[in-house]
Structures are given as structure tokens and as C-alpha cells.
């Protein structure tokens, strides 16, 4: 997946490089080469990406090679920040929740 403008600018290239280096170090099999654009691949052709910030936090917490590559000090601070953002997000009602559950 290509990072969008909401990403921390230096993080996607660093994570991509770390993943590539880890793949070479562990001789990971990248699988067969795709012959069609990713959007045309069946849904089960690739691993599901996190669907929200909390799932992404859990994924980073569980990714030891990426945490090692990015540095534990950075990862700890980054995860603290993202957990705080998730808590703040959860304190707000969405328009859908207001429309669906509140009879105002």
C-alpha cells in the first residue's frame, strides 16, 4: 500500500527500507510476481492491513524486526502518541452515531 499524505513523511521510506533489509537478512520469499495491478488482485491475495489506528498500533507493537530497525526509543514515543490520539478520537461521537442512536 502506498502511504498517503497523513503519514509521518520519513516513516514510510524508513519502514519500507527496514522491511526490505529484514527480508534480505531472513531470505524471506516475497511470493510470485504480480502480473496485474494490485487493485485487480483478489482480496485474499494479500494480507489485510489495519483498518484503524488502534489496529495499526497493535501491528507495530507486534512487529519486532520493524521496532528494532526504527529504534525502541522512537517506537515507544510514537506508540504513546498514537494511543493518546486513539483515546481522543474515541471520546467523540461520529455523525453516524448521532444520527443513528440519538433521538434529538
PDB file of N, CA and C in Angstrom:
ATOM      1  N   UNK A   1       0.849  -1.169   0.000  1.00  0.00           N
ATOM      2  CA  UNK A   1       0.000   0.000   0.000  1.00  0.00           C
ATOM      3  C   UNK A   1       0.894   1.232   0.000  1.00  0.00           C
ATOM      4  N   UNK A   2       0.503   2.226  -0.752  1.00  0.00           N
ATOM      5  CA  UNK A   2       1.271   3.459  -0.823  1.00  0.00           C
ATOM      6  C   UNK A   2       0.815   4.386   0.294  1.00  0.00           C
ATOM      7  N   UNK A   3       1.783   4.956   0.993  1.00  0.00           N
ATOM      8  CA  UNK A   3       1.456   5.868   2.093  1.00  0.00           C
ATOM      9  C   UNK A   3       0.787   7.118   1.541  1.00  0.00           C
ATOM     10  N   UNK A   4      -0.157   7.663   2.308  1.00  0.00           N
ATOM     11  CA  UNK A   4      -0.823   8.886   1.879  1.00  0.00           C
ATOM     12  C   UNK A   4      -0.254  10.086   2.625  1.00  0.00           C
ATOM     13  N   UNK A   5      -0.830  11.239   2.411  1.00  0.00           N
ATOM     14  CA  UNK A   5      -0.290  12.473   2.975  1.00  0.00           C
ATOM     15  C   UNK A   5      -0.480  12.564   4.495  1.00  0.00           C
ATOM     16  N   UNK A   6      -1.271  11.662   5.078  1.00  0.00           N
ATOM     17  CA  UNK A   6      -1.457  11.688   6.523  1.00  0.00           C
ATOM     18  C   UNK A   6      -0.291  11.025   7.257  1.00  0.00           C
ATOM     19  N   UNK A   7       0.554  10.340   6.526  1.00  0.00           N
ATOM     20  CA  UNK A   7       1.682   9.636   7.149  1.00  0.00           C
ATOM     21  C   UNK A   7       2.776  10.613   7.565  1.00  0.00           C
ATOM     22  N   UNK A   8       3.485  10.250   8.620  1.00  0.00           N
ATOM     23  CA  UNK A   8       4.673  10.993   9.001  1.00  0.00           C
ATOM     24  C   UNK A   8       5.653  10.868   7.830  1.00  0.00           C
ATOM     25  N   UNK A   9       6.130  11.975   7.226  1.00  0.00           N
ATOM     26  CA  UNK A   9       6.882  11.913   5.968  1.00  0.00           C
ATOM     27  C   UNK A   9       8.069  10.951   5.934  1.00  0.00           C
ATOM     28  N   UNK A  10       8.813  10.849   7.020  1.00  0.00           N
ATOM     29  CA  UNK A  10      10.004   9.993   6.984  1.00  0.00           C
ATOM     30  C   UNK A  10       9.708   8.542   7.329  1.00  0.00           C
ATOM     31  N   UNK A  11       8.529   8.251   7.853  1.00  0.00           N
ATOM     32  CA  UNK A  11       8.232   6.899   8.318  1.00  0.00           C
ATOM     33  C   UNK A  11       8.021   5.881   7.193  1.00  0.00           C
ATOM     34  N   UNK A  12       7.237   6.151   6.152  1.00  0.00           N
ATOM     35  CA  UNK A  12       7.062   5.132   5.102  1.00  0.00           C
ATOM     36  C   UNK A  12       8.373   4.698   4.436  1.00  0.00           C
ATOM     37  N   UNK A  13       9.254   5.623   4.039  1.00  0.00           N
ATOM     38  CA  UNK A  13      10.506   5.148   3.438  1.00  0.00           C
ATOM     39  C   UNK A  13      11.363   4.352   4.431  1.00  0.00           C
ATOM     40  N   UNK A  14      11.381   4.768   5.695  1.00  0.00           N
ATOM     41  CA  UNK A  14      12.173   4.050   6.696  1.00  0.00           C
ATOM     42  C   UNK A  14      11.611   2.656   6.918  1.00  0.00           C
ATOM     43  N   UNK A  15      10.295   2.538   7.011  1.00  0.00           N
ATOM     44  CA  UNK A  15       9.670   1.231   7.222  1.00  0.00           C
ATOM     45  C   UNK A  15       9.851   0.336   6.004  1.00  0.00           C
ATOM     46  N   UNK A  16       9.754   0.898   4.803  1.00  0.00           N
ATOM     47  CA  UNK A  16       9.948   0.118   3.582  1.00  0.00           C
ATOM     48  C   UNK A  16      11.380  -0.400   3.497  1.00  0.00           C
ATOM     49  N   UNK A  17      12.324   0.459   3.791  1.00  0.00           N
ATOM     50  CA  UNK A  17      13.729   0.053   3.782  1.00  0.00           C
ATOM     51  C   UNK A  17      13.977  -1.023   4.843  1.00  0.00           C
ATOM     52  N   UNK A  18      13.430  -0.833   6.038  1.00  0.00           N
ATOM     53  CA  UNK A  18      13.609  -1.815   7.109  1.00  0.00           C
ATOM     54  C   UNK A  18      13.018  -3.164   6.710  1.00  0.00           C
ATOM     55  N   UNK A  19      11.848  -3.150   6.088  1.00  0.00           N
ATOM     56  CA  UNK A  19      11.216  -4.402   5.656  1.00  0.00           C
ATOM     57  C   UNK A  19      12.052  -5.101   4.589  1.00  0.00           C
ATOM     58  N   UNK A  20      12.568  -4.326   3.655  1.00  0.00           N
ATOM     59  CA  UNK A  20      13.415  -4.908   2.615  1.00  0.00           C
ATOM     60  C   UNK A  20      14.689  -5.507   3.175  1.00  0.00           C
ATOM     61  N   UNK A  21      15.328  -4.792   4.072  1.00  0.00           N
ATOM     62  CA  UNK A  21      16.553  -5.301   4.693  1.00  0.00           C
ATOM     63  C   UNK A  21      16.279  -6.556   5.512  1.00  0.00           C
ATOM     64  N   UNK A  22      15.152  -6.559   6.248  1.00  0.00           N
ATOM     65  CA  UNK A  22      14.791  -7.738   7.025  1.00  0.00           C
ATOM     66  C   UNK A  22      14.499  -8.913   6.093  1.00  0.00           C
ATOM     67  N   UNK A  23      13.824  -8.655   4.990  1.00  0.00           N
ATOM     68  CA  UNK A  23      13.538  -9.716   4.024  1.00  0.00           C
ATOM     69  C   UNK A  23      14.801 -10.322   3.446  1.00  0.00           C
ATOM     70  N   UNK A  24      15.798  -9.480   3.156  1.00  0.00           N
ATOM     71  CA  UNK A  24      17.064  -9.999   2.635  1.00  0.00           C
ATOM     72  C   UNK A  24      17.819 -10.771   3.716  1.00  0.00           C
ATOM     73  N   UNK A  25      17.813 -10.243   4.945  1.00  0.00           N
ATOM     74  CA  UNK A  25      18.546 -10.895   6.029  1.00  0.00           C
ATOM     75  C   UNK A  25      17.964 -12.263   6.372  1.00  0.00           C
ATOM     76  N   UNK A  26      16.645 -12.391   6.255  1.00  0.00           N
ATOM     77  CA  UNK A  26      15.988 -13.654   6.606  1.00  0.00           C
ATOM     78  C   UNK A  26      15.687 -14.517   5.387  1.00  0.00           C
ATOM     79  N   UNK A  27      16.106 -14.034   4.202  1.00  0.00           N
ATOM     80  CA  UNK A  27      15.842 -14.759   2.942  1.00  0.00           C
ATOM     81  C   UNK A  27      14.349 -15.050   2.777  1.00  0.00           C
ATOM     82  N   UNK A  28      13.516 -14.077   3.127  1.00  0.00           N
ATOM     83  CA  UNK A  28      12.069 -14.235   3.029  1.00  0.00           C
ATOM     84  C   UNK A  28      11.645 -14.382   1.570  1.00  0.00           C
ATOM     85  N   UNK A  29      10.702 -15.257   1.322  1.00  0.00           N
ATOM     86  CA  UNK A  29      10.160 -15.459  -0.020  1.00  0.00           C
ATOM     87  C   UNK A  29       9.089 -14.398  -0.271  1.00  0.00           C
ATOM     88  N   UNK A  30       9.288 -13.504  -1.240  1.00  0.00           N
ATOM     89  CA  UNK A  30       8.297 -12.461  -1.489  1.00  0.00           C
ATOM     90  C   UNK A  30       7.049 -12.975  -2.196  1.00  0.00           C
ATOM     91  N   UNK A  31       7.047 -14.230  -2.608  1.00  0.00           N
ATOM     92  CA  UNK A  31       5.905 -14.775  -3.328  1.00  0.00           C
ATOM     93  C   UNK A  31       6.011 -14.484  -4.808  1.00  0.00           C
ATOM     94  N   UNK A  32       5.036 -14.937  -5.552  1.00  0.00           N
ATOM     95  CA  UNK A  32       5.088 -14.736  -7.003  1.00  0.00           C
ATOM     96  C   UNK A  32       4.912 -13.259  -7.378  1.00  0.00           C
ATOM     97  N   UNK A  33       5.504 -12.907  -8.490  1.00  0.00           N
ATOM     98  CA  UNK A  33       5.384 -11.539  -9.000  1.00  0.00           C
ATOM     99  C   UNK A  33       3.954 -11.294  -9.473  1.00  0.00           C
ATOM    100  N   UNK A  34       3.413 -10.146  -9.128  1.00  0.00           N
ATOM    101  CA  UNK A  34       2.071  -9.783  -9.583  1.00  0.00           C
ATOM    102  C   UNK A  34       2.132  -9.404 -11.054  1.00  0.00           C
ATOM    103  N   UNK A  35       1.179  -9.879 -11.809  1.00  0.00           N
ATOM    104  CA  UNK A  35       1.149  -9.575 -13.247  1.00  0.00           C
ATOM    105  C   UNK A  35       0.025  -8.609 -13.603  1.00  0.00           C
ATOM    106  N   UNK A  36      -0.747  -8.207 -12.600  1.00  0.00           N
ATOM    107  CA  UNK A  36      -1.828  -7.239 -12.809  1.00  0.00           C
ATOM    108  C   UNK A  36      -1.730  -6.181 -11.723  1.00  0.00           C
ATOM    109  N   UNK A  37      -2.355  -5.022 -11.912  1.00  0.00           N
ATOM    110  CA  UNK A  37      -2.346  -4.006 -10.857  1.00  0.00           C
ATOM    111  C   UNK A  37      -2.952  -4.558  -9.562  1.00  0.00           C
ATOM    112  N   UNK A  38      -2.461  -4.075  -8.447  1.00  0.00           N
ATOM    113  CA  UNK A  38      -2.916  -4.568  -7.145  1.00  0.00           C
ATOM    114  C   UNK A  38      -4.428  -4.456  -6.983  1.00  0.00           C
ATOM    115  N   UNK A  39      -5.032  -3.425  -7.542  1.00  0.00           N
ATOM    116  CA  UNK A  39      -6.481  -3.239  -7.416  1.00  0.00           C
ATOM    117  C   UNK A  39      -7.259  -4.366  -8.098  1.00  0.00           C
ATOM    118  N   UNK A  40      -6.620  -5.083  -9.011  1.00  0.00           N
ATOM    119  CA  UNK A  40      -7.296  -6.169  -9.731  1.00  0.00           C
ATOM    120  C   UNK A  40      -7.053  -7.537  -9.090  1.00  0.00           C
ATOM    121  N   UNK A  41      -6.228  -7.598  -8.075  1.00  0.00           N
ATOM    122  CA  UNK A  41      -5.957  -8.866  -7.401  1.00  0.00           C
ATOM    123  C   UNK A  41      -7.141  -9.257  -6.520  1.00  0.00           C
ATOM    124  N   UNK A  42      -7.366 -10.541  -6.331  1.00  0.00           N
ATOM    125  CA  UNK A  42      -8.434 -10.957  -5.412  1.00  0.00           C
ATOM    126  C   UNK A  42      -8.128 -10.486  -3.990  1.00  0.00           C
ATOM    127  N   UNK A  43      -9.170 -10.263  -3.210  1.00  0.00           N
ATOM    128  CA  UNK A  43      -8.997  -9.737  -1.843  1.00  0.00           C
ATOM    129  C   UNK A  43      -8.112 -10.623  -0.980  1.00  0.00           C
ATOM    130  N   UNK A  44      -8.127 -11.925  -1.216  1.00  0.00           N
ATOM    131  CA  UNK A  44      -7.342 -12.824  -0.377  1.00  0.00           C
ATOM    132  C   UNK A  44      -5.904 -12.990  -0.868  1.00  0.00           C
ATOM    133  N   UNK A  45      -5.496 -12.212  -1.870  1.00  0.00           N
ATOM    134  CA  UNK A  45      -4.141 -12.323  -2.418  1.00  0.00           C
ATOM    135  C   UNK A  45      -3.098 -11.657  -1.530  1.00  0.00           C
ATOM    136  N   UNK A  46      -3.522 -10.809  -0.650  1.00  0.00           N
ATOM    137  CA  UNK A  46      -2.573 -10.094   0.225  1.00  0.00           C
ATOM    138  C   UNK A  46      -3.123 -10.066   1.644  1.00  0.00           C
ATOM    139  N   UNK A  47      -2.215  -9.846   2.573  1.00  0.00           N
ATOM    140  CA  UNK A  47      -2.608  -9.734   3.980  1.00  0.00           C
ATOM    141  C   UNK A  47      -3.437  -8.469   4.195  1.00  0.00           C
ATOM    142  N   UNK A  48      -4.430  -8.550   5.051  1.00  0.00           N
ATOM    143  CA  UNK A  48      -5.245  -7.381   5.372  1.00  0.00           C
ATOM    144  C   UNK A  48      -4.410  -6.354   6.126  1.00  0.00           C
ATOM    145  N   UNK A  49      -4.584  -5.110   5.785  1.00  0.00           N
ATOM    146  CA  UNK A  49      -3.922  -4.021   6.508  1.00  0.00           C
ATOM    147  C   UNK A  49      -4.796  -3.596   7.682  1.00  0.00           C
ATOM    148  N   UNK A  50      -4.204  -2.960   8.678  1.00  0.00           N
ATOM    149  CA  UNK A  50      -5.024  -2.466   9.792  1.00  0.00           C
ATOM    150  C   UNK A  50      -6.122  -1.543   9.273  1.00  0.00           C
ATOM    151  N   UNK A  51      -7.310  -1.658   9.863  1.00  0.00           N
ATOM    152  CA  UNK A  51      -8.430  -0.841   9.385  1.00  0.00           C
ATOM    153  C   UNK A  51      -8.624   0.429  10.199  1.00  0.00           C
ATOM    154  N   UNK A  52      -7.872   0.570  11.287  1.00  0.00           N
ATOM    155  CA  UNK A  52      -7.959   1.799  12.066  1.00  0.00           C
ATOM    156  C   UNK A  52      -6.647   2.000  12.827  1.00  0.00           C
ATOM    157  N   UNK A  53      -6.550   3.117  13.489  1.00  0.00           N
ATOM    158  CA  UNK A  53      -5.310   3.471  14.187  1.00  0.00           C
ATOM    159  C   UNK A  53      -4.960   2.478  15.287  1.00  0.00           C
ATOM    160  N   UNK A  54      -5.946   2.004  16.031  1.00  0.00           N
ATOM    161  CA  UNK A  54      -5.653   1.067  17.112  1.00  0.00           C
ATOM    162  C   UNK A  54      -5.093  -0.243  16.568  1.00  0.00           C
ATOM    163  N   UNK A  55      -5.652  -0.745  15.480  1.00  0.00           N
ATOM    164  CA  UNK A  55      -5.117  -1.959  14.865  1.00  0.00           C
ATOM    165  C   UNK A  55      -3.686  -1.733  14.376  1.00  0.00           C
ATOM    166  N   UNK A  56      -3.399  -0.552  13.848  1.00  0.00           N
ATOM    167  CA  UNK A  56      -2.042  -0.232  13.397  1.00  0.00           C
ATOM    168  C   UNK A  56      -1.077  -0.178  14.579  1.00  0.00           C
ATOM    169  N   UNK A  57      -1.520   0.361  15.705  1.00  0.00           N
ATOM    170  CA  UNK A  57      -0.693   0.396  16.917  1.00  0.00           C
ATOM    171  C   UNK A  57      -0.354  -1.029  17.345  1.00  0.00           C
ATOM    172  N   UNK A  58      -1.364  -1.898  17.368  1.00  0.00           N
ATOM    173  CA  UNK A  58      -1.129  -3.298  17.754  1.00  0.00           C
ATOM    174  C   UNK A  58      -0.170  -3.985  16.779  1.00  0.00           C
ATOM    175  N   UNK A  59      -0.307  -3.679  15.486  1.00  0.00           N
ATOM    176  CA  UNK A  59       0.577  -4.290  14.489  1.00  0.00           C
ATOM    177  C   UNK A  59       2.026  -3.862  14.706  1.00  0.00           C
ATOM    178  N   UNK A  60       2.245  -2.580  14.992  1.00  0.00           N
ATOM    179  CA  UNK A  60       3.608  -2.115  15.255  1.00  0.00           C
ATOM    180  C   UNK A  60       4.148  -2.719  16.545  1.00  0.00           C
ATOM    181  N   UNK A  61       3.313  -2.811  17.565  1.00  0.00           N
ATOM    182  CA  UNK A  61       3.748  -3.427  18.823  1.00  0.00           C
ATOM    183  C   UNK A  61       4.225  -4.864  18.604  1.00  0.00           C
ATOM    184  N   UNK A  62       3.589  -5.569  17.681  1.00  0.00           N
ATOM    185  CA  UNK A  62       3.905  -6.980  17.443  1.00  0.00           C
ATOM    186  C   UNK A  62       5.035  -7.196  16.438  1.00  0.00           C
ATOM    187  N   UNK A  63       5.489  -6.139  15.774  1.00  0.00           N
ATOM    188  CA  UNK A  63       6.492  -6.271  14.712  1.00  0.00           C
ATOM    189  C   UNK A  63       7.902  -6.012  15.251  1.00  0.00           C
ATOM    190  N   UNK A  64       8.508  -7.041  15.819  1.00  0.00           N
ATOM    191  CA  UNK A  64       9.833  -6.897  16.438  1.00  0.00           C
ATOM    192  C   UNK A  64      10.904  -6.434  15.455  1.00  0.00           C
ATOM    193  N   UNK A  65      10.977  -6.983  14.235  1.00  0.00           N
ATOM    194  CA  UNK A  65      12.019  -6.508  13.314  1.00  0.00           C
ATOM    195  C   UNK A  65      11.876  -5.018  12.961  1.00  0.00           C
ATOM    196  N   UNK A  66      10.658  -4.559  12.765  1.00  0.00           N
ATOM    197  CA  UNK A  66      10.459  -3.140  12.435  1.00  0.00           C
ATOM    198  C   UNK A  66      10.792  -2.261  13.634  1.00  0.00           C
ATOM    199  N   UNK A  67      10.384  -2.677  14.821  1.00  0.00           N
ATOM    200  CA  UNK A  67      10.704  -1.905  16.025  1.00  0.00           C
ATOM    201  C   UNK A  67      12.209  -1.814  16.226  1.00  0.00           C
ATOM    202  N   UNK A  68      12.910  -2.908  15.976  1.00  0.00           N
ATOM    203  CA  UNK A  68      14.366  -2.898  16.116  1.00  0.00           C
ATOM    204  C   UNK A  68      14.993  -1.943  15.101  1.00  0.00           C
ATOM    205  N   UNK A  69      14.498  -1.980  13.865  1.00  0.00           N
ATOM    206  CA  UNK A  69      15.059  -1.131  12.810  1.00  0.00           C
ATOM    207  C   UNK A  69      14.796   0.354  13.068  1.00  0.00           C
ATOM    208  N   UNK A  70      13.599   0.668  13.548  1.00  0.00           N
ATOM    209  CA  UNK A  70      13.252   2.076  13.793  1.00  0.00           C
ATOM    210  C   UNK A  70      13.808   2.583  15.115  1.00  0.00           C
ATOM    211  N   UNK A  71      14.119   1.671  15.996  1.00  0.00           N
ATOM    212  CA  UNK A  71      14.658   2.055  17.300  1.00  0.00           C
ATOM    213  C   UNK A  71      13.577   2.034  18.361  1.00  0.00           C
ATOM    214  N   UNK A  72      13.893   1.434  19.484  1.00  0.00           N
ATOM    215  CA  UNK A  72      12.901   1.275  20.541  1.00  0.00           C
ATOM    216  C   UNK A  72      12.467   2.618  21.126  1.00  0.00           C
ATOM    217  N   UNK A  73      13.395   3.568  21.227  1.00  0.00           N
ATOM    218  CA  UNK A  73      13.038   4.880  21.779  1.00  0.00           C
ATOM    219  C   UNK A  73      12.009   5.575  20.892  1.00  0.00           C
ATOM    220  N   UNK A  74      12.245   5.554  19.577  1.00  0.00           N
ATOM    221  CA  UNK A  74      11.290   6.156  18.645  1.00  0.00           C
ATOM    222  C   UNK A  74       9.948   5.440  18.720  1.00  0.00           C
ATOM    223  N   UNK A  75       9.973   4.106  18.653  1.00  0.00           N
ATOM    224  CA  UNK A  75       8.730   3.336  18.642  1.00  0.00           C
ATOM    225  C   UNK A  75       7.916   3.563  19.908  1.00  0.00           C
ATOM    226  N   UNK A  76       8.560   3.588  21.046  1.00  0.00           N
ATOM    227  CA  UNK A  76       7.840   3.816  22.307  1.00  0.00           C
ATOM    228  C   UNK A  76       7.154   5.176  22.302  1.00  0.00           C
ATOM    229  N   UNK A  77       7.870   6.211  21.889  1.00  0.00           N
ATOM    230  CA  UNK A  77       7.287   7.556  21.838  1.00  0.00           C
ATOM    231  C   UNK A  77       6.167   7.624  20.807  1.00  0.00           C
ATOM    232  N   UNK A  78       6.387   7.034  19.647  1.00  0.00           N
ATOM    233  CA  UNK A  78       5.390   7.041  18.570  1.00  0.00           C
ATOM    234  C   UNK A  78       4.126   6.313  19.016  1.00  0.00           C
ATOM    235  N   UNK A  79       4.286   5.165  19.665  1.00  0.00           N
ATOM    236  CA  UNK A  79       3.131   4.400  20.120  1.00  0.00           C
ATOM    237  C   UNK A  79       2.370   5.135  21.213  1.00  0.00           C
ATOM    238  N   UNK A  80       3.079   5.795  22.119  1.00  0.00           N
ATOM    239  CA  UNK A  80       2.404   6.600  23.156  1.00  0.00           C
ATOM    240  C   UNK A  80       1.543   7.685  22.509  1.00  0.00           C
ATOM    241  N   UNK A  81       2.121   8.376  21.525  1.00  0.00           N
ATOM    242  CA  UNK A  81       1.397   9.436  20.824  1.00  0.00           C
ATOM    243  C   UNK A  81       0.166   8.885  20.125  1.00  0.00           C
ATOM    244  N   UNK A  82       0.310   7.791  19.408  1.00  0.00           N
ATOM    245  CA  UNK A  82      -0.817   7.237  18.652  1.00  0.00           C
ATOM    246  C   UNK A  82      -1.900   6.672  19.567  1.00  0.00           C
ATOM    247  N   UNK A  83      -1.514   6.078  20.707  1.00  0.00           N
ATOM    248  CA  UNK A  83      -2.522   5.608  21.671  1.00  0.00           C
ATOM    249  C   UNK A  83      -3.303   6.794  22.230  1.00  0.00           C
ATOM    250  N   UNK A  84      -2.618   7.888  22.519  1.00  0.00           N
ATOM    251  CA  UNK A  84      -3.295   9.094  23.015  1.00  0.00           C
ATOM    252  C   UNK A  84      -4.243   9.644  21.957  1.00  0.00           C
ATOM    253  N   UNK A  85      -3.832   9.637  20.705  1.00  0.00           N
ATOM    254  CA  UNK A  85      -4.711  10.105  19.628  1.00  0.00           C
ATOM    255  C   UNK A  85      -5.936   9.199  19.494  1.00  0.00           C
ATOM    256  N   UNK A  86      -5.740   7.888  19.649  1.00  0.00           N
ATOM    257  CA  UNK A  86      -6.869   6.961  19.564  1.00  0.00           C
ATOM    258  C   UNK A  86      -7.863   7.224  20.697  1.00  0.00           C
ATOM    259  N   UNK A  87      -7.349   7.418  21.922  1.00  0.00           N
ATOM    260  CA  UNK A  87      -8.235   7.708  23.053  1.00  0.00           C
ATOM    261  C   UNK A  87      -9.024   8.995  22.807  1.00  0.00           C
ATOM    262  N   UNK A  88      -8.359  10.010  22.288  1.00  0.00           N
ATOM    263  CA  UNK A  88      -9.040  11.273  21.987  1.00  0.00           C
ATOM    264  C   UNK A  88     -10.110  11.069  20.921  1.00  0.00           C
ATOM    265  N   UNK A  89      -9.788  10.317  19.886  1.00  0.00           N
ATOM    266  CA  UNK A  89     -10.746  10.022  18.815  1.00  0.00           C
ATOM    267  C   UNK A  89     -11.980   9.308  19.373  1.00  0.00           C
ATOM    268  N   UNK A  90     -11.757   8.357  20.267  1.00  0.00           N
ATOM    269  CA  UNK A  90     -12.863   7.570  20.819  1.00  0.00           C
ATOM    270  C   UNK A  90     -13.788   8.376  21.722  1.00  0.00           C
ATOM    271  N   UNK A  91     -13.350   9.537  22.169  1.00  0.00           N
ATOM    272  CA  UNK A  91     -14.181  10.359  23.040  1.00  0.00           C
ATOM    273  C   UNK A  91     -15.209  11.175  22.260  1.00  0.00           C
ATOM    274  N   UNK A  92     -15.185  11.106  20.942  1.00  0.00           N
ATOM    275  CA  UNK A  92     -16.099  11.889  20.122  1.00  0.00           C
ATOM    276  C   UNK A  92     -17.107  10.990  19.423  1.00  0.00           C
ATOM    277  N   UNK A  93     -18.324  11.476  19.338  1.00  0.00           N
ATOM    278  CA  UNK A  93     -19.348  10.760  18.598  1.00  0.00           C
ATOM    279  C   UNK A  93     -19.268  11.146  17.128  1.00  0.00           C
ATOM    280  N   UNK A  94     -19.460  10.160  16.283  1.00  0.00           N
ATOM    281  CA  UNK A  94     -19.471  10.441  14.843  1.00  0.00           C
ATOM    282  C   UNK A  94     -20.859  10.924  14.424  1.00  0.00           C
ATOM    283  N   UNK A  95     -20.934  11.500  13.266  1.00  0.00           N
ATOM    284  CA  UNK A  95     -22.227  11.949  12.738  1.00  0.00           C
ATOM    285  C   UNK A  95     -23.177  10.753  12.622  1.00  0.00           C
ATOM    286  N   UNK A  96     -22.653   9.605  12.195  1.00  0.00           N
ATOM    287  CA  UNK A  96     -23.472   8.401  12.050  1.00  0.00           C
ATOM    288  C   UNK A  96     -24.036   7.971  13.404  1.00  0.00           C
ATOM    289  N   UNK A  97     -23.203   7.981  14.455  1.00  0.00           N
ATOM    290  CA  UNK A  97     -23.677   7.608  15.783  1.00  0.00           C
ATOM    291  C   UNK A  97     -24.763   8.563  16.268  1.00  0.00           C
ATOM    292  N   UNK A  98     -24.558   9.838  16.044  1.00  0.00           N
ATOM    293  CA  UNK A  98     -25.565  10.825  16.440  1.00  0.00           C
ATOM    294  C   UNK A  98     -26.878  10.588  15.699  1.00  0.00           C
ATOM    295  N   UNK A  99     -26.787  10.384  14.394  1.00  0.00           N
ATOM    296  CA  UNK A  99     -28.000  10.177  13.577  1.00  0.00           C
ATOM    297  C   UNK A  99     -28.696   8.856  13.904  1.00  0.00           C
ATOM    298  N   UNK A 100     -27.925   7.842  14.226  1.00  0.00           N
ATOM    299  CA  UNK A 100     -28.494   6.507  14.434  1.00  0.00           C
ATOM    300  C   UNK A 100     -29.013   6.304  15.839  1.00  0.00           C
ATOM    301  N   UNK A 101     -28.303   6.784  16.845  1.00  0.00           N
ATOM    302  CA  UNK A 101     -28.633   6.435  18.217  1.00  0.00           C
ATOM    303  C   UNK A 101     -29.271   7.536  19.033  1.00  0.00           C
ATOM    304  N   UNK A 102     -29.143   8.791  18.609  1.00  0.00           N
ATOM    305  CA  UNK A 102     -29.727   9.871  19.386  1.00  0.00           C
ATOM    306  C   UNK A 102     -31.005  10.360  18.734  1.00  0.00           C
ATOM    307  N   UNK A 103     -32.027  10.415  19.511  1.00  0.00           N
ATOM    308  CA  UNK A 103     -33.304  10.903  19.017  1.00  0.00           C
ATOM    309  C   UNK A 103     -33.460  12.343  19.449  1.00  0.00           C
ATOM    310  N   UNK A 104     -32.843  13.221  18.656  1.00  0.00           N
ATOM    311  CA  UNK A 104     -32.826  14.645  19.022  1.00  0.00           C
ATOM    312  C   UNK A 104     -33.802  15.406  18.162  1.00  0.00           C
TER     313      UNK A 104
END
